[in-house]
């Protein structure tokens, strides 16, 4: 059977029929255009050029992960805090949603070279969690623990505790879809997006750095998109 070749204008027509609900039809707002009160402005959105070297803007919200979307039972979902803390913590989803919430305006940079600008995340500040746990002074790193088959990623504590870092459950005012890491995902705007663990189930505070899933495969232990010529993508970069 001979393959049928569709004309380009027909493919464009098909594309127009498939609407991405998260497609950005507008230009990214500037921080001073954010009208909502009390929104924390991520400092990287104030850069003259908000796209790091080697990146390009996408108006979509691509789906990327290591193992696919895991099954999560919201009735038994837990968020736990352990390691170098005075108080171990454990929250059900309902308890977590009742914690004080913050909003953050931030950009989102994936190591696969796309950047999604102009996002508003709503969730629980990482500082709120750290304060409740009473993190010990010897803790220098955080290991984010996720529901997708033991996946982890490491974050230096100074980035974890940035004002714009949070555990988000809303994106642009809507619940984060499962394929994008819902019900709760970590957001670390000042590092590459693989550090913003999807399907997060807790964090462990550590004295020594510990490689996570992608870091064991050669990804950078910190992952700052603004460092070096082409960002901290891999350990040899």
Protein backbone atom coordinates (compact mmCIF):
# COMPACT_ATOMS: atom_id res chain seq x y z
CA UNK A 1 0.00 0.00 0.00
CA UNK A 2 1.43 3.37 -0.99
CA UNK A 3 1.79 5.98 1.77
CA UNK A 4 -0.39 9.04 1.38
CA UNK A 5 1.43 12.38 1.48
CA UNK A 6 -0.68 15.17 2.97
CA UNK A 7 -0.15 18.76 1.77
CA UNK A 8 1.41 21.17 4.23
CA UNK A 9 -1.67 23.40 4.28
CA UNK A 10 -3.76 20.40 5.36
CA UNK A 11 -1.33 19.66 8.20
CA UNK A 12 -1.61 23.29 9.29
CA UNK A 13 -5.38 22.92 9.25
CA UNK A 14 -5.12 19.85 11.49
CA UNK A 15 -2.84 21.72 13.85
CA UNK A 16 -5.41 24.50 14.13
CA UNK A 17 -8.04 21.94 15.14
CA UNK A 18 -5.95 20.57 18.00
CA UNK A 19 -5.99 23.31 20.61
CA UNK A 20 -3.41 23.22 23.37
CA UNK A 21 -5.20 24.59 26.48
CA UNK A 22 -1.86 25.88 27.77
CA UNK A 23 -0.76 27.46 24.48
CA UNK A 24 0.36 31.05 25.01
CA UNK A 25 -1.20 33.29 22.38
CA UNK A 26 0.18 36.43 24.06
CA UNK A 27 3.63 37.86 24.47
CA UNK A 28 5.15 37.22 27.90
CA UNK A 29 4.21 39.85 30.44
CA UNK A 30 6.82 41.97 32.15
CA UNK A 31 7.01 41.66 35.94
CA UNK A 32 5.52 45.13 36.45
CA UNK A 33 2.46 44.05 34.44
CA UNK A 34 1.47 41.43 37.02
CA UNK A 35 -1.63 42.96 38.56
CA UNK A 36 -2.35 40.30 41.18
CA UNK A 37 -1.39 41.47 44.67
CA UNK A 38 1.26 39.70 46.75
CA UNK A 39 2.73 37.73 43.83
CA UNK A 40 6.40 36.90 44.37
CA UNK A 41 8.38 37.90 41.28
CA UNK A 42 11.17 35.52 40.35
CA UNK A 43 14.30 37.66 39.82
CA UNK A 44 15.20 36.03 36.49
CA UNK A 45 12.02 37.47 34.94
CA UNK A 46 13.58 40.92 35.39
CA UNK A 47 16.55 40.12 33.13
CA UNK A 48 16.80 42.13 29.92
CA UNK A 49 16.96 38.84 28.02
CA UNK A 50 14.86 36.27 29.88
CA UNK A 51 15.95 33.32 27.73
CA UNK A 52 19.32 31.75 28.70
CA UNK A 53 21.93 31.09 26.03
CA UNK A 54 21.15 27.95 24.04
CA UNK A 55 17.43 28.08 24.87
CA UNK A 56 14.45 29.11 22.74
CA UNK A 57 10.96 30.10 23.77
CA UNK A 58 8.06 27.70 23.43
CA UNK A 59 4.45 28.85 23.65
CA UNK A 60 3.36 25.32 24.57
CA UNK A 61 3.88 23.33 27.75
CA UNK A 62 5.74 20.18 26.64
CA UNK A 63 5.45 16.95 28.63
CA UNK A 64 8.75 15.29 29.54
CA UNK A 65 9.57 12.70 32.20
CA UNK A 66 11.68 9.62 32.83
CA UNK A 67 9.05 6.91 33.26
CA UNK A 68 5.63 8.30 32.34
CA UNK A 69 2.86 9.51 34.64
CA UNK A 70 2.66 7.29 37.75
CA UNK A 71 -0.64 6.17 39.27
CA UNK A 72 -1.29 8.22 42.42
CA UNK A 73 -4.14 7.58 44.87
CA UNK A 74 -5.11 11.03 46.13
CA UNK A 75 -6.84 9.48 49.16
CA UNK A 76 -3.55 8.02 50.41
CA UNK A 77 -1.19 10.72 49.07
CA UNK A 78 1.41 11.81 51.62
CA UNK A 79 4.04 14.53 51.70
CA UNK A 80 6.84 13.76 54.16
CA UNK A 81 9.86 15.71 55.40
CA UNK A 82 12.83 13.86 56.86
CA UNK A 83 16.59 13.95 57.32
CA UNK A 84 18.41 16.74 59.15
CA UNK A 85 15.36 18.32 60.76
CA UNK A 86 14.15 18.73 64.32
CA UNK A 87 10.58 17.88 63.32
CA UNK A 88 9.73 15.12 60.85
CA UNK A 89 6.57 16.14 59.01
CA UNK A 90 3.79 14.27 57.25
CA UNK A 91 0.78 15.76 55.47
CA UNK A 92 -2.21 14.26 53.71
CA UNK A 93 -3.26 16.05 50.54
CA UNK A 94 -6.06 17.83 52.39
CA UNK A 95 -3.67 18.92 55.15
CA UNK A 96 -1.12 20.11 52.62
CA UNK A 97 -3.72 22.19 50.75
CA UNK A 98 -4.62 23.96 53.99
CA UNK A 99 -1.08 25.26 54.56
CA UNK A 100 -0.47 28.98 53.84
CA UNK A 101 -0.22 29.50 50.08
CA UNK A 102 1.93 31.83 47.97
CA UNK A 103 1.92 32.82 44.31
CA UNK A 104 5.08 33.05 42.21
CA UNK A 105 5.57 34.63 38.77
CA UNK A 106 8.44 32.78 37.09
CA UNK A 107 9.93 31.45 33.88
CA UNK A 108 10.62 27.76 33.31
CA UNK A 109 13.76 26.50 31.55
CA UNK A 110 14.08 22.88 30.42
CA UNK A 111 17.51 21.39 29.84
CA UNK A 112 16.24 20.09 26.48
CA UNK A 113 16.57 23.73 25.33
CA UNK A 114 13.06 25.14 25.57
CA UNK A 115 11.90 27.89 27.89
CA UNK A 116 8.29 28.63 28.84
CA UNK A 117 8.01 32.22 30.00
CA UNK A 118 5.25 33.86 32.04
CA UNK A 119 3.95 31.28 34.53
CA UNK A 120 2.12 31.87 37.77
CA UNK A 121 2.47 29.04 40.27
CA UNK A 122 0.42 28.71 43.46
CA UNK A 123 1.43 26.47 46.32
CA UNK A 124 3.31 26.15 49.59
CA UNK A 125 6.59 28.00 49.95
CA UNK A 126 9.63 25.81 50.49
CA UNK A 127 10.53 28.22 53.30
CA UNK A 128 7.23 27.38 55.00
CA UNK A 129 8.07 23.69 54.97
CA UNK A 130 11.64 24.27 56.15
CA UNK A 131 10.45 26.47 58.99
CA UNK A 132 7.89 23.93 60.19
CA UNK A 133 10.48 21.15 60.04
CA UNK A 134 13.12 23.33 61.81
CA UNK A 135 15.98 22.38 59.52
CA UNK A 136 19.28 21.74 61.29
CA UNK A 137 22.17 24.08 60.43
CA UNK A 138 24.32 21.23 59.08
CA UNK A 139 21.82 20.61 56.25
CA UNK A 140 23.36 21.88 53.00
CA UNK A 141 21.38 19.97 50.37
CA UNK A 142 17.86 18.74 49.72
CA UNK A 143 16.87 15.52 47.98
CA UNK A 144 13.42 15.75 46.41
CA UNK A 145 11.54 12.45 46.51
CA UNK A 146 8.92 11.66 43.87
CA UNK A 147 6.13 9.14 43.31
CA UNK A 148 7.39 8.04 39.91
CA UNK A 149 9.14 4.81 40.84
CA UNK A 150 11.69 6.20 43.28
CA UNK A 151 12.79 9.16 41.12
CA UNK A 152 14.84 11.79 42.98
CA UNK A 153 16.73 14.98 42.29
CA UNK A 154 19.16 17.00 44.42
CA UNK A 155 19.04 20.74 45.11
CA UNK A 156 21.52 22.93 47.02
CA UNK A 157 19.68 24.27 50.05
CA UNK A 158 20.33 27.90 49.08
CA UNK A 159 18.27 27.38 45.88
CA UNK A 160 15.62 25.33 47.67
CA UNK A 161 15.12 28.21 50.10
CA UNK A 162 14.93 30.99 47.49
CA UNK A 163 11.87 33.20 47.90
CA UNK A 164 10.46 32.02 44.55
CA UNK A 165 10.78 28.26 45.27
CA UNK A 166 7.58 26.42 46.19
CA UNK A 167 5.61 23.20 46.13
CA UNK A 168 2.99 24.08 43.53
CA UNK A 169 -0.51 22.69 43.10
CA UNK A 170 -1.85 25.33 40.69
CA UNK A 171 -0.43 26.58 37.40
CA UNK A 172 -1.93 29.77 35.99
CA UNK A 173 -4.85 29.38 38.38
CA UNK A 174 -5.72 25.78 37.50
CA UNK A 175 -4.81 22.45 39.16
CA UNK A 176 -1.59 21.04 37.73
CA UNK A 177 -2.54 18.16 35.39
CA UNK A 178 -1.21 14.71 36.25
CA UNK A 179 1.08 14.63 33.20
CA UNK A 180 2.71 17.85 34.41
CA UNK A 181 3.35 16.57 37.92
CA UNK A 182 0.07 17.05 39.78
CA UNK A 183 -1.26 17.01 42.37
CA UNK A 184 1.90 18.70 43.74
CA UNK A 185 5.27 19.39 42.14
CA UNK A 186 8.38 21.20 43.28
CA UNK A 187 9.22 24.42 41.44
CA UNK A 188 12.77 25.82 41.61
CA UNK A 189 12.63 28.64 39.03
CA UNK A 190 16.31 29.59 39.25
CA UNK A 191 17.51 26.11 38.19
CA UNK A 192 16.78 23.93 35.15
CA UNK A 193 13.33 22.37 35.23
CA UNK A 194 14.48 18.81 35.95
CA UNK A 195 15.17 20.07 39.50
CA UNK A 196 11.45 20.96 39.75
CA UNK A 197 10.43 17.42 40.64
CA UNK A 198 7.08 16.22 39.38
CA UNK A 199 4.75 14.12 41.58
CA UNK A 200 6.71 15.11 44.65
CA UNK A 201 6.09 13.06 47.79
CA UNK A 202 8.54 14.75 50.14
CA UNK A 203 12.04 16.01 50.76
CA UNK A 204 15.09 14.84 52.70
CA UNK A 205 17.58 17.33 54.13
CA UNK A 206 21.22 16.22 53.83
CA UNK A 207 24.68 17.36 54.93
CA UNK A 208 26.35 15.97 51.78
CA UNK A 209 25.25 16.23 48.17
CA UNK A 210 23.59 13.09 46.76
CA UNK A 211 23.01 12.58 43.05
CA UNK A 212 19.45 11.98 41.92
CA UNK A 213 18.16 10.05 38.90
CA UNK A 214 19.38 12.34 36.11
CA UNK A 215 22.46 13.42 38.03
CA UNK A 216 23.60 9.80 38.25
CA UNK A 217 23.36 9.76 34.46
CA UNK A 218 25.66 12.75 34.08
CA UNK A 219 23.40 15.76 34.53
CA UNK A 220 24.86 18.69 36.47
CA UNK A 221 24.71 18.51 40.27
CA UNK A 222 23.40 22.10 40.46
CA UNK A 223 21.89 22.95 37.05
CA UNK A 224 21.90 26.74 36.82
CA UNK A 225 20.79 27.76 33.28
CA UNK A 226 22.54 31.13 33.58
CA UNK A 227 26.02 29.84 34.48
CA UNK A 228 28.79 29.29 31.96
CA UNK A 229 28.57 29.63 28.20
CA UNK A 230 25.65 27.26 27.79
CA UNK A 231 24.29 26.72 31.28
CA UNK A 232 25.07 23.91 33.71
CA UNK A 233 23.53 21.08 31.71
CA UNK A 234 25.94 18.24 32.35
CA UNK A 235 28.75 17.57 34.81
CA UNK A 236 31.38 18.20 32.16
CA UNK A 237 29.83 21.54 31.08
